[in-house]
Amino acid sequence: MSAPHSWPLRVYFEDTDAGGVAYHARYLHWAERARTEALRAMGLPHQEMIARHGVFLVVRRLEVEYLRPARLDESVVVETHIRRVTGVQVWLTQVVRREGEDEALAVLEVRLASVGQGGVKPVPLPEPWRSALRAVVESAPG
C-alpha cells in the first residue's frame, strides 16, 4: 500500500460566498485537479492517454459528504486514495482537509470510467495506466 497523493491549495475569494465559506461545487473543482495531478505524479498524464490510446477517464459516479466548511484564505489539501481498479473503472476516495490537520472537511467517493474518445462507450483502461493504478490501491483512510 502506498501513501495517498496530496495536492495543496489555497481557498481564494472566488471560491467563496459573501460569508467567506467555500461553495459546495468548488470541492468538485479541487477534486478534479487533484485527480489530474495524482496521475501526473505517477507519470501517467491524461493527455498522454488521449494521444496514445484515444481513451480518457470520465466521472461515472460521485458522492460528497460535506463535514466542515473550508474558509477564505485557508490552506487545504486534497488527498487522493485509489481504492479499486477493474478493466474499465477506477474507484477513488478523496479527502479534503485543512493543511496540517487530520479532521476531514469533505469526503468524496468517486468512480471513474475509461471511455473511447469518439463514442463515450466504456473501453478497457490501457496499459500502463491499469497496472500502475492497481499497484497503488490502498485501504480506506483512517
Protein backbone atom coordinates (compact mmCIF):
# COMPACT_ATOMS: atom_id res chain seq x y z
CA MET A 1 0.00 0.00 0.00
CA SER A 2 1.32 3.45 -0.85
CA ALA A 3 0.57 6.84 0.64
CA PRO A 4 -2.21 8.93 -0.91
CA HIS A 5 -1.34 11.68 -3.33
CA SER A 6 -1.68 15.11 -1.66
CA TRP A 7 -2.45 18.27 -3.60
CA PRO A 8 -2.29 21.55 -1.63
CA LEU A 9 -4.32 24.63 -2.47
CA ARG A 10 -5.49 27.91 -1.00
CA VAL A 11 -9.13 28.97 -0.73
CA TYR A 12 -9.44 32.18 -2.75
CA PHE A 13 -12.15 34.84 -2.70
CA GLU A 14 -13.53 33.46 -5.98
CA ASP A 15 -14.09 30.10 -4.21
CA THR A 16 -16.34 31.55 -1.52
CA ASP A 17 -19.69 33.13 -0.85
CA ALA A 18 -20.14 36.54 0.83
CA GLY A 19 -19.53 34.93 4.23
CA GLY A 20 -16.14 33.55 3.21
CA VAL A 21 -17.29 29.91 3.06
CA ALA A 22 -16.23 27.79 0.08
CA TYR A 23 -19.04 26.98 -2.36
CA HIS A 24 -20.01 23.31 -2.39
CA ALA A 25 -19.17 22.99 -6.11
CA ARG A 26 -15.60 24.18 -5.53
CA TYR A 27 -14.83 20.87 -3.84
CA LEU A 28 -15.60 19.18 -7.17
CA HIS A 29 -13.15 21.50 -8.98
CA TRP A 30 -10.47 20.85 -6.39
CA ALA A 31 -11.01 17.09 -6.54
CA GLU A 32 -10.78 17.08 -10.36
CA ARG A 33 -7.49 18.94 -10.26
CA ALA A 34 -6.15 16.66 -7.53
CA ARG A 35 -7.01 13.56 -9.61
CA THR A 36 -5.23 15.06 -12.60
CA GLU A 37 -2.16 15.85 -10.50
CA ALA A 38 -2.17 12.38 -8.94
CA LEU A 39 -1.99 10.79 -12.40
CA ARG A 40 0.68 13.25 -13.48
CA ALA A 41 2.74 12.44 -10.36
CA MET A 42 2.58 8.76 -11.38
CA GLY A 43 3.93 9.67 -14.83
CA LEU A 44 0.53 8.95 -16.40
CA PRO A 45 -0.93 12.27 -17.60
CA HIS A 46 -4.42 12.40 -19.11
CA GLN A 47 -3.15 13.95 -22.32
CA GLU A 48 -0.85 11.01 -22.99
CA MET A 49 -3.71 8.53 -22.53
CA ILE A 50 -5.80 10.50 -25.01
CA ALA A 51 -2.98 10.93 -27.53
CA ARG A 52 -1.70 7.34 -27.42
CA HIS A 53 -4.95 5.42 -26.97
CA GLY A 54 -7.89 7.73 -27.75
CA VAL A 55 -9.15 6.98 -24.22
CA PHE A 56 -9.94 9.22 -21.28
CA LEU A 57 -11.39 8.95 -17.78
CA VAL A 58 -14.81 10.38 -17.00
CA VAL A 59 -16.70 10.62 -13.72
CA ARG A 60 -19.33 7.90 -13.66
CA ARG A 61 -20.47 8.43 -10.09
CA LEU A 62 -19.58 10.92 -7.39
CA GLU A 63 -20.85 11.26 -3.84
CA VAL A 64 -19.78 14.06 -1.50
CA GLU A 65 -20.18 14.28 2.25
CA TYR A 66 -19.57 17.84 3.47
CA LEU A 67 -18.43 17.79 7.09
CA ARG A 68 -16.98 21.24 7.82
CA PRO A 69 -16.57 24.39 5.76
CA ALA A 70 -13.36 25.45 4.07
CA ARG A 71 -12.96 29.21 4.52
CA LEU A 72 -11.40 32.12 2.71
CA ASP A 73 -7.59 32.13 2.70
CA GLU A 74 -7.21 28.73 4.36
CA SER A 75 -4.64 26.25 3.08
CA VAL A 76 -6.26 22.91 2.35
CA VAL A 77 -5.05 19.60 0.95
CA VAL A 78 -6.92 17.14 -1.26
CA GLU A 79 -5.75 13.57 -0.64
CA THR A 80 -6.46 11.07 -3.40
CA HIS A 81 -6.70 7.41 -2.37
CA ILE A 82 -7.04 4.80 -5.12
CA ARG A 83 -9.36 2.07 -3.83
CA ARG A 84 -10.04 -0.35 -6.66
CA VAL A 85 -9.18 -0.76 -10.33
CA THR A 86 -11.01 -3.03 -12.78
CA GLY A 87 -10.66 -3.35 -16.52
CA VAL A 88 -12.74 -0.22 -17.15
CA GLN A 89 -13.27 1.56 -13.80
CA VAL A 90 -11.28 3.24 -11.04
CA TRP A 91 -12.73 3.83 -7.55
CA LEU A 92 -11.23 6.68 -5.52
CA THR A 93 -11.76 8.34 -2.18
CA GLN A 94 -10.71 11.97 -1.98
CA VAL A 95 -10.46 13.71 1.36
CA VAL A 96 -10.26 17.50 1.73
CA ARG A 97 -8.52 18.64 4.94
CA ARG A 98 -7.07 21.83 6.30
CA GLU A 99 -3.33 21.66 5.81
CA GLY A 100 -1.65 20.12 8.84
CA GLU A 101 -4.90 18.79 10.34
CA ASP A 102 -6.37 15.29 10.41
CA GLU A 103 -10.04 16.26 10.50
CA ALA A 104 -11.79 15.98 7.14
CA LEU A 105 -13.73 18.91 5.67
CA ALA A 106 -15.28 16.79 2.92
CA VAL A 107 -15.06 13.21 1.66
CA LEU A 108 -15.70 12.40 -1.99
CA GLU A 109 -16.33 8.87 -3.24
CA VAL A 110 -15.58 8.87 -6.96
CA ARG A 111 -15.97 6.23 -9.65
CA LEU A 112 -14.22 6.89 -12.95
CA ALA A 113 -14.80 5.03 -16.20
CA SER A 114 -12.43 4.65 -19.13
CA VAL A 115 -14.17 5.67 -22.37
CA GLY A 116 -13.26 5.97 -26.02
CA GLN A 117 -12.76 9.47 -27.35
CA GLY A 118 -15.23 9.11 -30.22
CA GLY A 119 -18.29 7.44 -28.74
CA VAL A 120 -18.08 7.73 -24.97
CA LYS A 121 -18.53 3.95 -24.65
CA PRO A 122 -16.66 2.08 -21.93
CA VAL A 123 -13.35 0.67 -23.12
CA PRO A 124 -10.56 -1.16 -21.27
CA LEU A 125 -8.22 1.04 -19.28
CA PRO A 126 -4.98 0.98 -21.29
CA GLU A 127 -1.60 -0.12 -20.04
CA PRO A 128 0.43 1.14 -18.29
CA TRP A 129 -2.39 3.03 -16.53
CA ARG A 130 -4.23 -0.08 -15.34
CA SER A 131 -1.14 -1.77 -13.86
CA ALA A 132 0.20 1.43 -12.31
CA LEU A 133 -3.14 2.25 -10.68
CA ARG A 134 -3.58 -1.30 -9.39
CA ALA A 135 -0.09 -1.12 -7.86
CA VAL A 136 -1.14 1.78 -5.61
CA VAL A 137 -4.55 0.52 -4.46
CA GLU A 138 -4.88 1.20 -0.75
CA SER A 139 -7.31 0.64 2.09
CA ALA A 140 -9.78 3.24 3.36
CA PRO A 141 -8.36 6.34 5.10
CA GLY A 142 -8.47 6.46 8.88
